[in-house]
Amino acid sequence: LTYIIGEMIGELNVGHTYVGGGDYPKAERVQQGLLGAKIERDPSSRYYRIKKILKGENWDKSARSPLTEIGVDAREGDYIIAIDGKPTNEMIDMYEALVNTVGKQVTLKLNSEAKEAGSRSTTVVPVGGEHTLYYYNWVHENIEKVSKATDGKVGYLHIPDMGTGGLVEFVKY
């Protein structure tokens, strides 16, 4: 019944109308581990390469960037040679090795070159989402852009909303 009522409300094409409660099956969610980085596949070696490591605020659990945490030895431009001992150049998609790894330690084998010889191992704890990291990086890129364009004479302040979170950001900056 809840589903049917929800579909009917959806046909009204109006905002701020909701339906909740009732008995409905909850699908089991699969946790996908993410590294907090833009990663691309190198076509020649088939290894994955860290294109950009997203900055975060690692003291805040919701804005934690795994590859920037203390003790993690990862750099932009590094190739991910293996994940938990499985070579990434043999994988169809490296994210298959990160399924159900959110909050769990994962060993990455990294190298500045697309080869196993000379690689190093580092332990990382993947996160379940990168939205906060992309948002944080977008704000800081805007701060830098405005500062550079005005020789530091104009400031940039992003207030995401007028709720508690937005007011905290205002006070912080």
N, C-alpha and C. Protein backbone atom coordinates (compact mmCIF):
# COMPACT_ATOMS: atom_id res chain seq x y z
N LEU A 1 0.84 -1.20 0.00
CA LEU A 1 0.00 0.00 0.00
C LEU A 1 0.88 1.26 0.00
N THR A 2 1.96 1.24 0.82
CA THR A 2 2.85 2.39 0.87
C THR A 2 3.45 2.67 -0.50
N TYR A 3 3.83 1.63 -1.19
CA TYR A 3 4.41 1.79 -2.53
C TYR A 3 3.40 2.43 -3.48
N ILE A 4 2.18 1.94 -3.46
CA ILE A 4 1.13 2.45 -4.36
C ILE A 4 0.85 3.92 -4.06
N ILE A 5 0.72 4.27 -2.77
CA ILE A 5 0.48 5.66 -2.40
C ILE A 5 1.65 6.54 -2.84
N GLY A 6 2.86 6.03 -2.65
CA GLY A 6 4.05 6.77 -3.10
C GLY A 6 4.04 7.03 -4.59
N GLU A 7 3.64 6.04 -5.38
CA GLU A 7 3.53 6.21 -6.83
C GLU A 7 2.47 7.24 -7.19
N MET A 8 1.35 7.23 -6.48
CA MET A 8 0.29 8.19 -6.74
C MET A 8 0.77 9.61 -6.43
N ILE A 9 1.46 9.79 -5.32
CA ILE A 9 1.99 11.11 -4.97
C ILE A 9 3.01 11.56 -6.02
N GLY A 10 3.81 10.63 -6.50
CA GLY A 10 4.79 10.95 -7.54
C GLY A 10 4.16 11.49 -8.81
N GLU A 11 2.95 11.06 -9.11
CA GLU A 11 2.23 11.52 -10.31
C GLU A 11 1.70 12.94 -10.15
N LEU A 12 1.66 13.47 -8.94
CA LEU A 12 1.15 14.81 -8.72
C LEU A 12 2.11 15.89 -9.23
N ASN A 13 3.39 15.55 -9.38
CA ASN A 13 4.41 16.50 -9.84
C ASN A 13 4.50 17.73 -8.95
N VAL A 14 4.49 17.52 -7.67
CA VAL A 14 4.67 18.61 -6.71
C VAL A 14 5.77 18.21 -5.74
N GLY A 15 6.42 19.22 -5.19
CA GLY A 15 7.49 18.94 -4.24
C GLY A 15 6.98 18.86 -2.82
N HIS A 16 7.81 18.37 -1.95
CA HIS A 16 7.54 18.31 -0.51
C HIS A 16 6.29 17.52 -0.17
N THR A 17 6.05 16.43 -0.86
CA THR A 17 5.00 15.50 -0.50
C THR A 17 5.65 14.14 -0.29
N TYR A 18 5.31 13.50 0.79
CA TYR A 18 6.00 12.28 1.13
C TYR A 18 5.01 11.23 1.64
N VAL A 19 5.47 10.00 1.62
CA VAL A 19 4.74 8.91 2.25
C VAL A 19 5.79 8.05 2.95
N GLY A 20 5.42 7.51 4.08
CA GLY A 20 6.39 6.70 4.81
C GLY A 20 5.70 5.64 5.63
N GLY A 21 6.50 4.78 6.21
CA GLY A 21 5.98 3.73 7.07
C GLY A 21 5.47 2.56 6.27
N GLY A 22 4.77 1.68 6.92
CA GLY A 22 4.22 0.50 6.27
C GLY A 22 5.26 -0.60 6.16
N ASP A 23 4.83 -1.74 5.70
CA ASP A 23 5.72 -2.88 5.52
C ASP A 23 6.24 -2.90 4.10
N TYR A 24 7.52 -2.90 3.97
CA TYR A 24 8.11 -3.01 2.65
C TYR A 24 9.45 -3.71 2.79
N PRO A 25 9.82 -4.46 1.79
CA PRO A 25 11.10 -5.18 1.88
C PRO A 25 12.27 -4.21 1.71
N LYS A 26 13.25 -4.34 2.57
CA LYS A 26 14.45 -3.51 2.45
C LYS A 26 15.52 -4.32 1.74
N ALA A 27 16.00 -3.78 0.65
CA ALA A 27 17.06 -4.46 -0.10
C ALA A 27 18.36 -4.37 0.68
N GLU A 28 19.11 -5.45 0.70
CA GLU A 28 20.41 -5.45 1.36
C GLU A 28 21.38 -4.62 0.53
N ARG A 29 22.01 -3.65 1.18
CA ARG A 29 22.92 -2.75 0.47
C ARG A 29 24.33 -3.32 0.47
N VAL A 30 24.99 -3.20 -0.65
CA VAL A 30 26.37 -3.63 -0.78
C VAL A 30 27.25 -2.40 -0.57
N GLN A 31 28.16 -2.48 0.39
CA GLN A 31 29.06 -1.36 0.69
C GLN A 31 30.22 -1.37 -0.29
N GLN A 32 30.35 -0.31 -1.07
CA GLN A 32 31.45 -0.18 -2.02
C GLN A 32 32.54 0.69 -1.42
N GLY A 33 33.72 0.15 -1.24
CA GLY A 33 34.84 0.91 -0.71
C GLY A 33 35.40 1.86 -1.77
N LEU A 34 35.70 3.08 -1.35
CA LEU A 34 36.25 4.09 -2.25
C LEU A 34 37.52 4.67 -1.61
N LEU A 35 38.44 5.11 -2.45
CA LEU A 35 39.75 5.56 -1.97
C LEU A 35 39.88 7.07 -1.85
N GLY A 36 38.87 7.83 -2.24
CA GLY A 36 38.96 9.28 -2.15
C GLY A 36 39.92 9.85 -3.19
N ALA A 37 39.82 9.34 -4.40
CA ALA A 37 40.73 9.77 -5.46
C ALA A 37 40.08 9.59 -6.83
N LYS A 38 40.55 10.40 -7.78
CA LYS A 38 40.17 10.19 -9.18
C LYS A 38 41.18 9.20 -9.73
N ILE A 39 40.66 8.11 -10.24
CA ILE A 39 41.52 7.02 -10.71
C ILE A 39 41.17 6.71 -12.15
N GLU A 40 42.21 6.47 -12.95
CA GLU A 40 41.99 6.13 -14.36
C GLU A 40 42.81 4.91 -14.72
N ARG A 41 42.38 4.20 -15.72
CA ARG A 41 43.11 3.02 -16.17
C ARG A 41 44.10 3.42 -17.25
N ASP A 42 45.33 2.94 -17.09
CA ASP A 42 46.36 3.17 -18.10
C ASP A 42 46.14 2.15 -19.22
N PRO A 43 45.86 2.60 -20.44
CA PRO A 43 45.53 1.66 -21.51
C PRO A 43 46.66 0.70 -21.89
N SER A 44 47.91 1.15 -21.76
CA SER A 44 49.01 0.29 -22.19
C SER A 44 49.35 -0.78 -21.15
N SER A 45 49.41 -0.42 -19.87
CA SER A 45 49.78 -1.41 -18.84
C SER A 45 48.56 -2.10 -18.23
N ARG A 46 47.37 -1.48 -18.35
CA ARG A 46 46.12 -1.93 -17.76
C ARG A 46 46.08 -1.78 -16.25
N TYR A 47 47.12 -1.19 -15.65
CA TYR A 47 47.08 -0.87 -14.23
C TYR A 47 46.28 0.41 -14.05
N TYR A 48 45.77 0.61 -12.85
CA TYR A 48 45.04 1.84 -12.54
C TYR A 48 46.02 2.85 -11.97
N ARG A 49 45.79 4.12 -12.30
CA ARG A 49 46.69 5.19 -11.87
C ARG A 49 45.91 6.22 -11.07
N ILE A 50 46.52 6.69 -9.98
CA ILE A 50 45.90 7.72 -9.16
C ILE A 50 46.13 9.06 -9.85
N LYS A 51 45.07 9.62 -10.42
CA LYS A 51 45.17 10.89 -11.14
C LYS A 51 45.16 12.07 -10.18
N LYS A 52 44.26 12.03 -9.18
CA LYS A 52 44.16 13.12 -8.20
C LYS A 52 43.68 12.55 -6.88
N ILE A 53 44.39 12.91 -5.82
CA ILE A 53 43.96 12.52 -4.48
C ILE A 53 43.13 13.67 -3.91
N LEU A 54 41.91 13.36 -3.51
CA LEU A 54 41.01 14.38 -2.98
C LEU A 54 41.42 14.74 -1.55
N LYS A 55 41.54 16.02 -1.29
CA LYS A 55 41.85 16.48 0.06
C LYS A 55 40.61 16.34 0.92
N GLY A 56 40.84 16.21 2.21
CA GLY A 56 39.73 16.09 3.14
C GLY A 56 40.09 16.69 4.48
N GLU A 57 39.25 16.46 5.43
CA GLU A 57 39.49 16.88 6.81
C GLU A 57 39.46 15.60 7.63
N ASN A 58 40.62 14.97 7.79
CA ASN A 58 40.67 13.62 8.35
C ASN A 58 40.28 13.54 9.82
N TRP A 59 40.16 14.68 10.49
CA TRP A 59 39.67 14.66 11.87
C TRP A 59 38.16 14.53 11.92
N ASP A 60 37.51 14.74 10.78
CA ASP A 60 36.06 14.63 10.66
C ASP A 60 35.75 13.32 9.92
N LYS A 61 35.12 12.38 10.59
CA LYS A 61 34.86 11.07 10.01
C LYS A 61 34.11 11.14 8.68
N SER A 62 33.24 12.13 8.52
CA SER A 62 32.45 12.23 7.29
C SER A 62 33.24 12.86 6.14
N ALA A 63 34.39 13.46 6.43
CA ALA A 63 35.20 14.10 5.38
C ALA A 63 36.60 13.50 5.31
N ARG A 64 36.70 12.22 5.68
CA ARG A 64 37.98 11.53 5.71
C ARG A 64 38.41 11.14 4.30
N SER A 65 39.66 11.45 3.95
CA SER A 65 40.21 11.09 2.64
C SER A 65 41.25 9.99 2.85
N PRO A 66 40.92 8.75 2.51
CA PRO A 66 41.75 7.60 2.85
C PRO A 66 43.22 7.68 2.44
N LEU A 67 43.51 8.20 1.28
CA LEU A 67 44.89 8.22 0.80
C LEU A 67 45.73 9.34 1.40
N THR A 68 45.11 10.20 2.23
CA THR A 68 45.87 11.28 2.87
C THR A 68 46.05 11.05 4.36
N GLU A 69 45.61 9.91 4.85
CA GLU A 69 45.71 9.66 6.28
C GLU A 69 47.15 9.37 6.69
N ILE A 70 47.43 9.59 7.96
CA ILE A 70 48.77 9.36 8.51
C ILE A 70 49.18 7.91 8.27
N GLY A 71 50.37 7.71 7.74
CA GLY A 71 50.90 6.38 7.50
C GLY A 71 50.61 5.82 6.13
N VAL A 72 49.71 6.44 5.38
CA VAL A 72 49.39 5.96 4.03
C VAL A 72 50.38 6.60 3.07
N ASP A 73 51.11 5.77 2.36
CA ASP A 73 52.14 6.24 1.42
C ASP A 73 51.61 6.14 0.00
N ALA A 74 50.80 7.11 -0.39
CA ALA A 74 50.23 7.16 -1.74
C ALA A 74 50.41 8.55 -2.30
N ARG A 75 50.72 8.62 -3.59
CA ARG A 75 50.94 9.91 -4.25
C ARG A 75 50.19 9.98 -5.58
N GLU A 76 49.86 11.19 -5.97
CA GLU A 76 49.26 11.37 -7.29
C GLU A 76 50.26 10.89 -8.34
N GLY A 77 49.77 10.15 -9.31
CA GLY A 77 50.63 9.60 -10.35
C GLY A 77 51.03 8.16 -10.09
N ASP A 78 50.84 7.67 -8.86
CA ASP A 78 51.17 6.28 -8.54
C ASP A 78 50.24 5.33 -9.28
N TYR A 79 50.78 4.18 -9.63
CA TYR A 79 49.99 3.09 -10.20
C TYR A 79 49.57 2.16 -9.07
N ILE A 80 48.33 1.70 -9.12
CA ILE A 80 47.86 0.70 -8.16
C ILE A 80 48.14 -0.65 -8.80
N ILE A 81 49.18 -1.30 -8.31
CA ILE A 81 49.65 -2.56 -8.89
C ILE A 81 48.77 -3.72 -8.42
N ALA A 82 48.40 -3.70 -7.13
CA ALA A 82 47.57 -4.79 -6.59
C ALA A 82 46.72 -4.27 -5.43
N ILE A 83 45.59 -4.93 -5.22
CA ILE A 83 44.72 -4.66 -4.08
C ILE A 83 44.57 -5.98 -3.33
N ASP A 84 45.01 -6.00 -2.08
CA ASP A 84 45.00 -7.21 -1.27
C ASP A 84 45.62 -8.40 -2.02
N GLY A 85 46.72 -8.14 -2.69
CA GLY A 85 47.47 -9.19 -3.36
C GLY A 85 46.98 -9.55 -4.75
N LYS A 86 45.87 -8.97 -5.19
CA LYS A 86 45.32 -9.29 -6.52
C LYS A 86 45.78 -8.22 -7.52
N PRO A 87 46.47 -8.62 -8.58
CA PRO A 87 46.96 -7.64 -9.56
C PRO A 87 45.80 -6.91 -10.26
N THR A 88 45.88 -5.59 -10.31
CA THR A 88 44.79 -4.80 -10.90
C THR A 88 44.80 -4.87 -12.43
N ASN A 89 45.95 -5.18 -13.02
CA ASN A 89 45.97 -5.25 -14.49
C ASN A 89 45.25 -6.49 -15.02
N GLU A 90 44.88 -7.41 -14.12
CA GLU A 90 44.13 -8.60 -14.51
C GLU A 90 42.65 -8.45 -14.19
N MET A 91 42.27 -7.35 -13.57
CA MET A 91 40.88 -7.13 -13.18
C MET A 91 40.10 -6.44 -14.29
N ILE A 92 38.83 -6.78 -14.38
CA ILE A 92 37.94 -6.07 -15.31
C ILE A 92 37.70 -4.66 -14.76
N ASP A 93 37.49 -4.57 -13.44
CA ASP A 93 37.25 -3.30 -12.77
C ASP A 93 37.85 -3.41 -11.37
N MET A 94 38.75 -2.49 -11.02
CA MET A 94 39.43 -2.59 -9.72
C MET A 94 38.47 -2.45 -8.55
N TYR A 95 37.31 -1.83 -8.77
CA TYR A 95 36.37 -1.64 -7.68
C TYR A 95 35.74 -2.96 -7.21
N GLU A 96 35.85 -4.01 -8.04
CA GLU A 96 35.35 -5.31 -7.59
C GLU A 96 36.16 -5.80 -6.39
N ALA A 97 37.42 -5.39 -6.29
CA ALA A 97 38.26 -5.78 -5.15
C ALA A 97 37.97 -4.94 -3.91
N LEU A 98 37.18 -3.89 -4.05
CA LEU A 98 36.87 -3.00 -2.92
C LEU A 98 35.44 -3.15 -2.40
N VAL A 99 34.71 -4.13 -2.92
CA VAL A 99 33.36 -4.39 -2.44
C VAL A 99 33.43 -4.87 -0.99
N ASN A 100 32.57 -4.31 -0.14
CA ASN A 100 32.50 -4.65 1.29
C ASN A 100 33.79 -4.37 2.04
N THR A 101 34.50 -3.31 1.67
CA THR A 101 35.74 -2.96 2.38
C THR A 101 35.62 -1.65 3.15
N VAL A 102 34.44 -1.04 3.18
CA VAL A 102 34.26 0.23 3.90
C VAL A 102 34.61 0.03 5.37
N GLY A 103 35.53 0.86 5.87
CA GLY A 103 35.94 0.78 7.27
C GLY A 103 36.88 -0.36 7.60
N LYS A 104 37.30 -1.12 6.60
CA LYS A 104 38.21 -2.25 6.82
C LYS A 104 39.56 -1.96 6.15
N GLN A 105 40.61 -2.51 6.70
CA GLN A 105 41.94 -2.30 6.14
C GLN A 105 42.11 -3.06 4.83
N VAL A 106 42.70 -2.38 3.86
CA VAL A 106 42.98 -2.95 2.55
C VAL A 106 44.45 -2.63 2.25
N THR A 107 45.16 -3.60 1.70
CA THR A 107 46.56 -3.38 1.33
C THR A 107 46.65 -3.05 -0.15
N LEU A 108 47.25 -1.90 -0.43
CA LEU A 108 47.51 -1.50 -1.81
C LEU A 108 48.99 -1.66 -2.10
N LYS A 109 49.29 -2.18 -3.28
CA LYS A 109 50.67 -2.20 -3.74
C LYS A 109 50.77 -1.09 -4.78
N LEU A 110 51.63 -0.10 -4.51
CA LEU A 110 51.75 1.08 -5.36
C LEU A 110 53.15 1.21 -5.91
N ASN A 111 53.23 1.88 -7.06
CA ASN A 111 54.53 2.14 -7.68
C ASN A 111 54.41 3.39 -8.56
N SER A 112 55.49 4.14 -8.65
CA SER A 112 55.48 5.31 -9.53
C SER A 112 55.56 4.90 -11.00
N GLU A 113 55.91 3.65 -11.24
CA GLU A 113 55.96 3.10 -12.60
C GLU A 113 54.97 1.96 -12.72
N ALA A 114 54.56 1.65 -13.93
CA ALA A 114 53.56 0.61 -14.15
C ALA A 114 54.22 -0.77 -14.18
N LYS A 115 54.83 -1.14 -13.04
CA LYS A 115 55.47 -2.45 -12.93
C LYS A 115 55.51 -2.86 -11.46
N GLU A 116 55.60 -4.16 -11.23
CA GLU A 116 55.61 -4.66 -9.86
C GLU A 116 56.96 -4.45 -9.19
N ALA A 117 58.04 -4.58 -9.94
CA ALA A 117 59.38 -4.41 -9.37
C ALA A 117 59.52 -3.00 -8.80
N GLY A 118 59.95 -2.92 -7.55
CA GLY A 118 60.14 -1.62 -6.91
C GLY A 118 58.89 -1.06 -6.27
N SER A 119 57.80 -1.84 -6.24
CA SER A 119 56.55 -1.34 -5.66
C SER A 119 56.63 -1.38 -4.14
N ARG A 120 55.74 -0.64 -3.51
CA ARG A 120 55.66 -0.58 -2.05
C ARG A 120 54.23 -0.87 -1.62
N SER A 121 54.09 -1.37 -0.41
CA SER A 121 52.76 -1.67 0.13
C SER A 121 52.36 -0.61 1.14
N THR A 122 51.09 -0.29 1.15
CA THR A 122 50.54 0.64 2.13
C THR A 122 49.14 0.16 2.49
N THR A 123 48.74 0.43 3.71
CA THR A 123 47.43 0.01 4.18
C THR A 123 46.50 1.22 4.24
N VAL A 124 45.31 1.04 3.70
CA VAL A 124 44.33 2.12 3.62
C VAL A 124 42.98 1.59 4.09
N VAL A 125 42.15 2.50 4.60
CA VAL A 125 40.79 2.13 5.04
C VAL A 125 39.80 2.89 4.16
N PRO A 126 39.18 2.20 3.19
CA PRO A 126 38.25 2.86 2.27
C PRO A 126 37.02 3.46 2.97
N VAL A 127 36.44 4.46 2.30
CA VAL A 127 35.22 5.11 2.78
C VAL A 127 34.04 4.65 1.91
N GLY A 128 32.83 4.91 2.39
CA GLY A 128 31.63 4.50 1.67
C GLY A 128 31.10 5.52 0.70
N GLY A 129 31.64 6.73 0.71
CA GLY A 129 31.19 7.77 -0.20
C GLY A 129 32.22 8.87 -0.35
N GLU A 130 32.25 9.47 -1.51
CA GLU A 130 33.22 10.54 -1.78
C GLU A 130 32.56 11.89 -2.00
N HIS A 131 31.23 11.97 -1.88
CA HIS A 131 30.52 13.22 -2.14
C HIS A 131 31.08 14.37 -1.31
N THR A 132 31.28 14.13 -0.01
CA THR A 132 31.79 15.17 0.88
C THR A 132 33.17 15.63 0.44
N LEU A 133 34.00 14.70 -0.03
CA LEU A 133 35.35 15.05 -0.47
C LEU A 133 35.32 15.89 -1.75
N TYR A 134 34.48 15.51 -2.69
CA TYR A 134 34.38 16.31 -3.92
C TYR A 134 33.86 17.71 -3.62
N TYR A 135 32.89 17.79 -2.73
CA TYR A 135 32.33 19.08 -2.32
C TYR A 135 33.40 19.94 -1.64
N TYR A 136 34.13 19.36 -0.70
CA TYR A 136 35.20 20.06 0.01
C TYR A 136 36.25 20.58 -0.97
N ASN A 137 36.65 19.75 -1.94
CA ASN A 137 37.64 20.15 -2.93
C ASN A 137 37.12 21.25 -3.84
N TRP A 138 35.83 21.20 -4.20
CA TRP A 138 35.22 22.24 -5.03
C TRP A 138 35.27 23.58 -4.31
N VAL A 139 34.91 23.59 -3.03
CA VAL A 139 34.95 24.83 -2.25
C VAL A 139 36.37 25.38 -2.20
N HIS A 140 37.35 24.54 -1.92
CA HIS A 140 38.73 25.02 -1.78
C HIS A 140 39.34 25.44 -3.12
N GLU A 141 38.92 24.81 -4.21
CA GLU A 141 39.36 25.26 -5.54
C GLU A 141 38.80 26.65 -5.83
N ASN A 142 37.55 26.92 -5.41
CA ASN A 142 36.96 28.25 -5.58
C ASN A 142 37.69 29.29 -4.74
N ILE A 143 38.05 28.93 -3.52
CA ILE A 143 38.81 29.85 -2.65
C ILE A 143 40.13 30.23 -3.33
N GLU A 144 40.84 29.23 -3.83
CA GLU A 144 42.13 29.47 -4.50
C GLU A 144 41.95 30.31 -5.77
N LYS A 145 40.92 30.00 -6.55
CA LYS A 145 40.67 30.71 -7.81
C LYS A 145 40.41 32.20 -7.56
N VAL A 146 39.57 32.51 -6.58
CA VAL A 146 39.25 33.90 -6.26
C VAL A 146 40.47 34.62 -5.70
N SER A 147 41.19 33.96 -4.83
CA SER A 147 42.39 34.57 -4.24
C SER A 147 43.43 34.88 -5.31
N LYS A 148 43.64 33.94 -6.22
CA LYS A 148 44.62 34.13 -7.29
C LYS A 148 44.19 35.24 -8.26
N ALA A 149 42.91 35.26 -8.61
CA ALA A 149 42.40 36.24 -9.57
C ALA A 149 42.43 37.66 -9.03
N THR A 150 42.40 37.80 -7.69
CA THR A 150 42.33 39.14 -7.09
C THR A 150 43.57 39.47 -6.26
N ASP A 151 44.62 38.70 -6.44
CA ASP A 151 45.85 38.89 -5.64
C ASP A 151 45.54 38.92 -4.15
N GLY A 152 44.60 38.09 -3.72
CA GLY A 152 44.28 37.97 -2.31
C GLY A 152 43.46 39.11 -1.74
N LYS A 153 42.94 39.99 -2.59
CA LYS A 153 42.19 41.14 -2.11
C LYS A 153 40.70 40.85 -1.88
N VAL A 154 40.23 39.74 -2.44
CA VAL A 154 38.83 39.36 -2.28
C VAL A 154 38.79 37.95 -1.70
N GLY A 155 37.91 37.76 -0.75
CA GLY A 155 37.76 36.44 -0.15
C GLY A 155 36.57 35.71 -0.73
N TYR A 156 36.59 34.42 -0.62
CA TYR A 156 35.48 33.58 -1.08
C TYR A 156 34.97 32.81 0.13
N LEU A 157 33.68 32.89 0.35
CA LEU A 157 33.07 32.18 1.46
C LEU A 157 31.86 31.44 0.93
N HIS A 158 31.84 30.14 1.11
CA HIS A 158 30.72 29.32 0.64
C HIS A 158 29.92 28.87 1.86
N ILE A 159 28.67 29.28 1.92
CA ILE A 159 27.77 28.84 2.99
C ILE A 159 26.76 27.90 2.34
N PRO A 160 26.86 26.60 2.64
CA PRO A 160 26.03 25.63 1.93
C PRO A 160 24.55 25.72 2.25
N ASP A 161 24.20 26.19 3.44
CA ASP A 161 22.79 26.31 3.82
C ASP A 161 22.70 27.20 5.06
N MET A 162 21.50 27.43 5.53
CA MET A 162 21.33 28.26 6.72
C MET A 162 21.02 27.41 7.95
N GLY A 163 21.33 26.14 7.86
CA GLY A 163 21.17 25.25 9.01
C GLY A 163 22.44 25.25 9.83
N THR A 164 22.51 24.33 10.77
CA THR A 164 23.67 24.23 11.66
C THR A 164 24.96 24.05 10.88
N GLY A 165 24.96 23.16 9.88
CA GLY A 165 26.16 22.90 9.08
C GLY A 165 26.66 24.14 8.36
N GLY A 166 25.76 24.90 7.78
CA GLY A 166 26.12 26.12 7.09
C GLY A 166 26.69 27.18 8.03
N LEU A 167 26.08 27.30 9.20
CA LEU A 167 26.57 28.28 10.19
C LEU A 167 27.94 27.87 10.73
N VAL A 168 28.17 26.58 10.89
CA VAL A 168 29.50 26.09 11.30
C VAL A 168 30.55 26.47 10.25
N GLU A 169 30.23 26.30 8.97
CA GLU A 169 31.15 26.67 7.90
C GLU A 169 31.43 28.16 7.92
N PHE A 170 30.42 28.97 8.16
CA PHE A 170 30.58 30.43 8.22
C PHE A 170 31.55 30.79 9.34
N VAL A 171 31.36 30.23 10.52
CA VAL A 171 32.24 30.53 11.66
C VAL A 171 33.66 30.02 11.38
N LYS A 172 33.77 28.86 10.77
CA LYS A 172 35.07 28.26 10.50
C LYS A 172 35.92 29.14 9.58
N TYR A 173 35.30 29.72 8.56
CA TYR A 173 36.06 30.52 7.60
C TYR A 173 36.06 32.00 7.96
